[in-house]
Amino acid sequence: MARILVANDDSLGAELLALTLTAEGHEVIPAVNGFDAYESAVHDDPDLVILDPVMPIYSGYDICEMLRNDPAIPKELPVVFMTTGNEDRRRIERVGATDTISKNYAAVELRDLLVKHLGTKAVA
């Protein structure tokens, strides 16, 4: 089981992702804005962070940069962006994101992503 921070201001999308992750046996740490996401990343010790690029207070881009520049956050913490396909891929790479997944992901894509970044913690 892994602790997964899901930062998304789209309540339906966040709820669906949280239900899927919870059904897979993971603990979900929800955040609805960038400030809460950053605070949770610092204080709740997630194994993986999933960010929506566009959120209130701090964007996903801001959060990723802040995490990558924070000496208290492990550099190997996987940070994944959920994308619509319209985001600037170079900007996502530049801020230090580990990976991306489509907001229209298939269950197998999400499972593959979890295994890729969490290894044995991905399997409940």
N, C-alpha and C. Protein backbone atom coordinates (compact mmCIF):
# COMPACT_ATOMS: atom_id res chain seq x y z
N MET A 1 0.83 -1.19 0.00
CA MET A 1 0.00 0.00 0.00
C MET A 1 0.87 1.24 0.00
N ALA A 2 0.43 2.22 -0.77
CA ALA A 2 1.17 3.48 -0.84
C ALA A 2 0.28 4.63 -0.40
N ARG A 3 0.95 5.70 0.01
CA ARG A 3 0.26 6.96 0.33
C ARG A 3 0.39 7.85 -0.91
N ILE A 4 -0.75 8.21 -1.50
CA ILE A 4 -0.74 8.96 -2.75
C ILE A 4 -1.46 10.28 -2.56
N LEU A 5 -0.74 11.37 -2.79
CA LEU A 5 -1.31 12.70 -2.73
C LEU A 5 -1.95 13.00 -4.08
N VAL A 6 -3.24 13.30 -4.08
CA VAL A 6 -3.97 13.65 -5.29
C VAL A 6 -4.41 15.10 -5.16
N ALA A 7 -3.82 15.96 -5.97
CA ALA A 7 -4.13 17.39 -5.95
C ALA A 7 -4.88 17.75 -7.22
N ASN A 8 -6.18 18.03 -7.06
CA ASN A 8 -7.03 18.30 -8.21
C ASN A 8 -8.21 19.12 -7.73
N ASP A 9 -8.47 20.24 -8.38
CA ASP A 9 -9.60 21.07 -7.98
C ASP A 9 -10.90 20.64 -8.65
N ASP A 10 -10.85 19.68 -9.54
CA ASP A 10 -12.03 19.10 -10.17
C ASP A 10 -12.53 18.00 -9.25
N SER A 11 -13.59 18.28 -8.50
CA SER A 11 -14.03 17.34 -7.46
C SER A 11 -14.44 15.99 -8.02
N LEU A 12 -15.08 15.95 -9.17
CA LEU A 12 -15.49 14.67 -9.74
C LEU A 12 -14.28 13.85 -10.18
N GLY A 13 -13.35 14.48 -10.88
CA GLY A 13 -12.14 13.79 -11.32
C GLY A 13 -11.31 13.30 -10.14
N ALA A 14 -11.19 14.13 -9.13
CA ALA A 14 -10.42 13.75 -7.94
C ALA A 14 -11.10 12.60 -7.20
N GLU A 15 -12.42 12.65 -7.10
CA GLU A 15 -13.15 11.60 -6.40
C GLU A 15 -13.04 10.27 -7.14
N LEU A 16 -13.15 10.29 -8.45
CA LEU A 16 -13.03 9.05 -9.23
C LEU A 16 -11.63 8.44 -9.09
N LEU A 17 -10.61 9.30 -9.16
CA LEU A 17 -9.25 8.81 -9.00
C LEU A 17 -9.04 8.27 -7.59
N ALA A 18 -9.55 8.96 -6.59
CA ALA A 18 -9.41 8.51 -5.20
C ALA A 18 -10.11 7.17 -5.00
N LEU A 19 -11.29 6.99 -5.57
CA LEU A 19 -12.00 5.73 -5.44
C LEU A 19 -11.21 4.59 -6.09
N THR A 20 -10.65 4.85 -7.25
CA THR A 20 -9.86 3.84 -7.95
C THR A 20 -8.63 3.46 -7.12
N LEU A 21 -7.93 4.47 -6.62
CA LEU A 21 -6.72 4.21 -5.83
C LEU A 21 -7.04 3.50 -4.52
N THR A 22 -8.11 3.90 -3.88
CA THR A 22 -8.53 3.27 -2.63
C THR A 22 -8.92 1.81 -2.87
N ALA A 23 -9.61 1.55 -3.98
CA ALA A 23 -9.99 0.18 -4.31
C ALA A 23 -8.76 -0.69 -4.56
N GLU A 24 -7.67 -0.06 -4.98
CA GLU A 24 -6.42 -0.79 -5.20
C GLU A 24 -5.63 -0.96 -3.88
N GLY A 25 -6.18 -0.41 -2.78
CA GLY A 25 -5.55 -0.59 -1.48
C GLY A 25 -4.65 0.55 -1.03
N HIS A 26 -4.69 1.66 -1.74
CA HIS A 26 -3.81 2.79 -1.40
C HIS A 26 -4.52 3.81 -0.52
N GLU A 27 -3.75 4.53 0.24
CA GLU A 27 -4.27 5.64 1.03
C GLU A 27 -4.16 6.90 0.19
N VAL A 28 -5.26 7.62 0.07
CA VAL A 28 -5.28 8.84 -0.73
C VAL A 28 -5.29 10.05 0.19
N ILE A 29 -4.39 10.97 -0.11
CA ILE A 29 -4.33 12.25 0.59
C ILE A 29 -4.87 13.29 -0.39
N PRO A 30 -6.09 13.80 -0.17
CA PRO A 30 -6.67 14.74 -1.13
C PRO A 30 -6.24 16.19 -0.87
N ALA A 31 -6.15 16.94 -1.96
CA ALA A 31 -5.89 18.38 -1.87
C ALA A 31 -6.66 19.05 -3.01
N VAL A 32 -7.34 20.15 -2.72
CA VAL A 32 -8.16 20.82 -3.73
C VAL A 32 -7.54 22.12 -4.25
N ASN A 33 -6.39 22.49 -3.68
CA ASN A 33 -5.71 23.68 -4.18
C ASN A 33 -4.20 23.50 -3.98
N GLY A 34 -3.46 24.37 -4.59
CA GLY A 34 -2.01 24.24 -4.56
C GLY A 34 -1.40 24.40 -3.18
N PHE A 35 -1.96 25.27 -2.37
CA PHE A 35 -1.42 25.46 -1.03
C PHE A 35 -1.55 24.18 -0.21
N ASP A 36 -2.76 23.61 -0.21
CA ASP A 36 -2.99 22.37 0.53
C ASP A 36 -2.12 21.23 -0.01
N ALA A 37 -1.95 21.19 -1.32
CA ALA A 37 -1.12 20.14 -1.93
C ALA A 37 0.32 20.23 -1.45
N TYR A 38 0.86 21.42 -1.45
CA TYR A 38 2.24 21.59 -1.01
C TYR A 38 2.39 21.23 0.48
N GLU A 39 1.46 21.72 1.29
CA GLU A 39 1.51 21.43 2.73
C GLU A 39 1.42 19.92 2.98
N SER A 40 0.53 19.25 2.26
CA SER A 40 0.40 17.80 2.42
C SER A 40 1.65 17.07 1.96
N ALA A 41 2.25 17.52 0.89
CA ALA A 41 3.48 16.89 0.39
C ALA A 41 4.60 17.01 1.42
N VAL A 42 4.65 18.13 2.10
CA VAL A 42 5.70 18.38 3.09
C VAL A 42 5.43 17.61 4.40
N HIS A 43 4.18 17.57 4.83
CA HIS A 43 3.86 17.04 6.16
C HIS A 43 3.32 15.62 6.19
N ASP A 44 2.78 15.11 5.08
CA ASP A 44 2.12 13.80 5.10
C ASP A 44 2.94 12.67 4.48
N ASP A 45 4.14 12.97 4.03
CA ASP A 45 5.07 11.96 3.53
C ASP A 45 4.47 11.02 2.48
N PRO A 46 3.98 11.57 1.36
CA PRO A 46 3.42 10.69 0.33
C PRO A 46 4.51 9.90 -0.39
N ASP A 47 4.09 8.77 -0.96
CA ASP A 47 4.98 7.96 -1.79
C ASP A 47 4.93 8.40 -3.25
N LEU A 48 3.86 9.09 -3.62
CA LEU A 48 3.63 9.55 -4.99
C LEU A 48 2.74 10.77 -4.93
N VAL A 49 2.99 11.72 -5.83
CA VAL A 49 2.16 12.93 -5.92
C VAL A 49 1.58 12.98 -7.33
N ILE A 50 0.26 13.16 -7.41
CA ILE A 50 -0.42 13.33 -8.69
C ILE A 50 -1.01 14.73 -8.70
N LEU A 51 -0.59 15.54 -9.67
CA LEU A 51 -0.98 16.96 -9.73
C LEU A 51 -1.79 17.29 -10.97
N ASP A 52 -2.79 18.13 -10.78
CA ASP A 52 -3.46 18.78 -11.89
C ASP A 52 -2.65 20.04 -12.17
N PRO A 53 -2.28 20.30 -13.42
CA PRO A 53 -1.47 21.49 -13.70
C PRO A 53 -2.15 22.81 -13.33
N VAL A 54 -3.48 22.87 -13.45
CA VAL A 54 -4.20 24.12 -13.21
C VAL A 54 -5.04 23.98 -11.95
N MET A 55 -4.61 24.72 -10.90
CA MET A 55 -5.33 24.72 -9.62
C MET A 55 -5.25 26.11 -9.02
N PRO A 56 -6.15 26.40 -8.07
CA PRO A 56 -6.07 27.70 -7.39
C PRO A 56 -4.89 27.78 -6.43
N ILE A 57 -4.51 28.97 -6.11
CA ILE A 57 -3.44 29.39 -5.21
C ILE A 57 -2.07 29.11 -5.83
N TYR A 58 -1.66 27.85 -5.94
CA TYR A 58 -0.45 27.48 -6.68
C TYR A 58 -0.86 26.49 -7.76
N SER A 59 -0.29 26.64 -8.93
CA SER A 59 -0.56 25.67 -10.00
C SER A 59 0.22 24.39 -9.73
N GLY A 60 -0.10 23.35 -10.45
CA GLY A 60 0.68 22.12 -10.36
C GLY A 60 2.13 22.36 -10.71
N TYR A 61 2.36 23.26 -11.68
CA TYR A 61 3.74 23.60 -12.07
C TYR A 61 4.48 24.22 -10.88
N ASP A 62 3.80 25.15 -10.19
CA ASP A 62 4.41 25.79 -9.02
C ASP A 62 4.74 24.77 -7.94
N ILE A 63 3.78 23.90 -7.67
CA ILE A 63 3.98 22.90 -6.62
C ILE A 63 5.16 21.99 -6.94
N CYS A 64 5.21 21.52 -8.18
CA CYS A 64 6.30 20.63 -8.58
C CYS A 64 7.64 21.32 -8.40
N GLU A 65 7.74 22.56 -8.84
CA GLU A 65 8.99 23.32 -8.67
C GLU A 65 9.33 23.49 -7.20
N MET A 66 8.34 23.80 -6.39
CA MET A 66 8.56 23.98 -4.96
C MET A 66 9.05 22.69 -4.31
N LEU A 67 8.45 21.58 -4.70
CA LEU A 67 8.86 20.29 -4.14
C LEU A 67 10.28 19.95 -4.56
N ARG A 68 10.61 20.19 -5.80
CA ARG A 68 11.95 19.87 -6.30
C ARG A 68 13.02 20.76 -5.68
N ASN A 69 12.63 21.95 -5.23
CA ASN A 69 13.59 22.88 -4.63
C ASN A 69 13.62 22.81 -3.10
N ASP A 70 12.75 22.00 -2.52
CA ASP A 70 12.68 21.88 -1.06
C ASP A 70 13.63 20.78 -0.60
N PRO A 71 14.67 21.13 0.17
CA PRO A 71 15.64 20.12 0.61
C PRO A 71 15.04 19.06 1.52
N ALA A 72 13.87 19.31 2.09
CA ALA A 72 13.24 18.33 2.98
C ALA A 72 12.47 17.25 2.21
N ILE A 73 12.26 17.47 0.92
CA ILE A 73 11.52 16.52 0.10
C ILE A 73 12.51 15.64 -0.65
N PRO A 74 12.36 14.33 -0.57
CA PRO A 74 13.28 13.44 -1.30
C PRO A 74 13.23 13.71 -2.81
N LYS A 75 14.38 13.83 -3.41
CA LYS A 75 14.46 14.12 -4.85
C LYS A 75 13.82 13.02 -5.69
N GLU A 76 13.78 11.79 -5.14
CA GLU A 76 13.22 10.67 -5.89
C GLU A 76 11.70 10.55 -5.76
N LEU A 77 11.04 11.46 -5.03
CA LEU A 77 9.59 11.44 -4.91
C LEU A 77 8.97 11.58 -6.31
N PRO A 78 8.21 10.58 -6.77
CA PRO A 78 7.59 10.69 -8.09
C PRO A 78 6.47 11.74 -8.08
N VAL A 79 6.54 12.65 -9.05
CA VAL A 79 5.51 13.67 -9.23
C VAL A 79 4.96 13.49 -10.64
N VAL A 80 3.66 13.18 -10.71
CA VAL A 80 2.99 12.88 -11.97
C VAL A 80 1.95 13.95 -12.25
N PHE A 81 1.92 14.45 -13.48
CA PHE A 81 0.90 15.41 -13.90
C PHE A 81 -0.22 14.68 -14.61
N MET A 82 -1.48 14.99 -14.25
CA MET A 82 -2.64 14.51 -14.99
C MET A 82 -2.94 15.56 -16.04
N THR A 83 -2.89 15.17 -17.30
CA THR A 83 -2.98 16.15 -18.38
C THR A 83 -4.17 15.93 -19.29
N THR A 84 -4.57 17.00 -19.95
CA THR A 84 -5.62 16.93 -20.95
C THR A 84 -5.02 16.79 -22.35
N GLY A 85 -3.73 16.98 -22.44
CA GLY A 85 -3.07 16.93 -23.74
C GLY A 85 -2.75 18.32 -24.27
N ASN A 86 -3.29 19.35 -23.64
CA ASN A 86 -3.06 20.72 -24.09
C ASN A 86 -1.94 21.41 -23.32
N GLU A 87 -1.39 20.74 -22.31
CA GLU A 87 -0.36 21.36 -21.49
C GLU A 87 0.97 21.43 -22.23
N ASP A 88 1.80 22.31 -21.76
CA ASP A 88 3.14 22.50 -22.33
C ASP A 88 4.07 21.42 -21.79
N ARG A 89 4.36 20.43 -22.61
CA ARG A 89 5.19 19.29 -22.18
C ARG A 89 6.59 19.74 -21.74
N ARG A 90 7.13 20.73 -22.41
CA ARG A 90 8.46 21.22 -22.01
C ARG A 90 8.42 21.84 -20.62
N ARG A 91 7.36 22.54 -20.33
CA ARG A 91 7.23 23.14 -19.00
C ARG A 91 7.10 22.04 -17.93
N ILE A 92 6.35 21.01 -18.23
CA ILE A 92 6.19 19.89 -17.30
C ILE A 92 7.56 19.26 -17.01
N GLU A 93 8.34 19.05 -18.04
CA GLU A 93 9.69 18.50 -17.85
C GLU A 93 10.59 19.46 -17.09
N ARG A 94 10.49 20.75 -17.44
CA ARG A 94 11.36 21.76 -16.84
C ARG A 94 11.15 21.90 -15.33
N VAL A 95 9.91 21.73 -14.86
CA VAL A 95 9.66 21.87 -13.43
C VAL A 95 10.02 20.61 -12.65
N GLY A 96 10.38 19.54 -13.36
CA GLY A 96 10.86 18.35 -12.69
C GLY A 96 9.87 17.23 -12.51
N ALA A 97 8.79 17.24 -13.29
CA ALA A 97 7.82 16.15 -13.18
C ALA A 97 8.46 14.83 -13.60
N THR A 98 8.02 13.78 -12.96
CA THR A 98 8.54 12.44 -13.24
C THR A 98 7.84 11.81 -14.43
N ASP A 99 6.53 12.11 -14.57
CA ASP A 99 5.74 11.43 -15.60
C ASP A 99 4.44 12.20 -15.81
N THR A 100 3.66 11.75 -16.78
CA THR A 100 2.31 12.29 -17.01
C THR A 100 1.36 11.13 -17.26
N ILE A 101 0.09 11.39 -17.02
CA ILE A 101 -0.97 10.45 -17.36
C ILE A 101 -2.16 11.29 -17.81
N SER A 102 -2.89 10.78 -18.79
CA SER A 102 -4.06 11.49 -19.30
C SER A 102 -5.17 11.50 -18.27
N LYS A 103 -5.93 12.60 -18.24
CA LYS A 103 -7.10 12.65 -17.37
C LYS A 103 -8.14 11.62 -17.80
N ASN A 104 -8.04 11.17 -19.03
CA ASN A 104 -8.93 10.13 -19.56
C ASN A 104 -8.23 8.77 -19.54
N TYR A 105 -7.52 8.50 -18.46
CA TYR A 105 -6.73 7.28 -18.35
C TYR A 105 -7.61 6.03 -18.34
N ALA A 106 -7.05 4.95 -18.82
CA ALA A 106 -7.67 3.63 -18.67
C ALA A 106 -7.10 3.02 -17.39
N ALA A 107 -7.86 2.13 -16.78
CA ALA A 107 -7.43 1.52 -15.52
C ALA A 107 -6.06 0.87 -15.64
N VAL A 108 -5.81 0.23 -16.76
CA VAL A 108 -4.52 -0.43 -16.95
C VAL A 108 -3.37 0.59 -17.02
N GLU A 109 -3.63 1.75 -17.59
CA GLU A 109 -2.60 2.80 -17.64
C GLU A 109 -2.26 3.29 -16.24
N LEU A 110 -3.28 3.47 -15.41
CA LEU A 110 -3.04 3.92 -14.04
C LEU A 110 -2.26 2.85 -13.27
N ARG A 111 -2.66 1.60 -13.42
CA ARG A 111 -1.96 0.52 -12.72
C ARG A 111 -0.50 0.45 -13.18
N ASP A 112 -0.26 0.57 -14.48
CA ASP A 112 1.12 0.54 -15.00
C ASP A 112 1.94 1.70 -14.43
N LEU A 113 1.32 2.87 -14.33
CA LEU A 113 2.00 4.04 -13.78
C LEU A 113 2.38 3.79 -12.32
N LEU A 114 1.46 3.22 -11.56
CA LEU A 114 1.72 2.95 -10.15
C LEU A 114 2.86 1.94 -9.99
N VAL A 115 2.83 0.89 -10.78
CA VAL A 115 3.89 -0.11 -10.71
C VAL A 115 5.23 0.51 -11.10
N LYS A 116 5.22 1.32 -12.13
CA LYS A 116 6.45 1.97 -12.60
C LYS A 116 7.09 2.82 -11.51
N HIS A 117 6.28 3.58 -10.77
CA HIS A 117 6.83 4.54 -9.81
C HIS A 117 6.82 4.08 -8.35
N LEU A 118 6.03 3.05 -8.06
CA LEU A 118 5.94 2.59 -6.67
C LEU A 118 6.50 1.19 -6.47
N GLY A 119 6.75 0.49 -7.54
CA GLY A 119 7.27 -0.87 -7.42
C GLY A 119 6.34 -1.75 -6.61
N THR A 120 6.88 -2.41 -5.60
CA THR A 120 6.08 -3.36 -4.81
C THR A 120 5.00 -2.66 -3.97
N LYS A 121 5.14 -1.39 -3.70
CA LYS A 121 4.10 -0.67 -2.96
C LYS A 121 2.82 -0.50 -3.80
N ALA A 122 2.94 -0.69 -5.12
CA ALA A 122 1.79 -0.52 -6.01
C ALA A 122 0.82 -1.68 -5.89
N VAL A 123 1.28 -2.80 -5.41
CA VAL A 123 0.46 -4.01 -5.32
C VAL A 123 -0.03 -4.16 -3.89
N ALA A 124 -1.34 -4.12 -3.75
CA ALA A 124 -1.92 -4.23 -2.41
C ALA A 124 -1.97 -5.67 -1.94
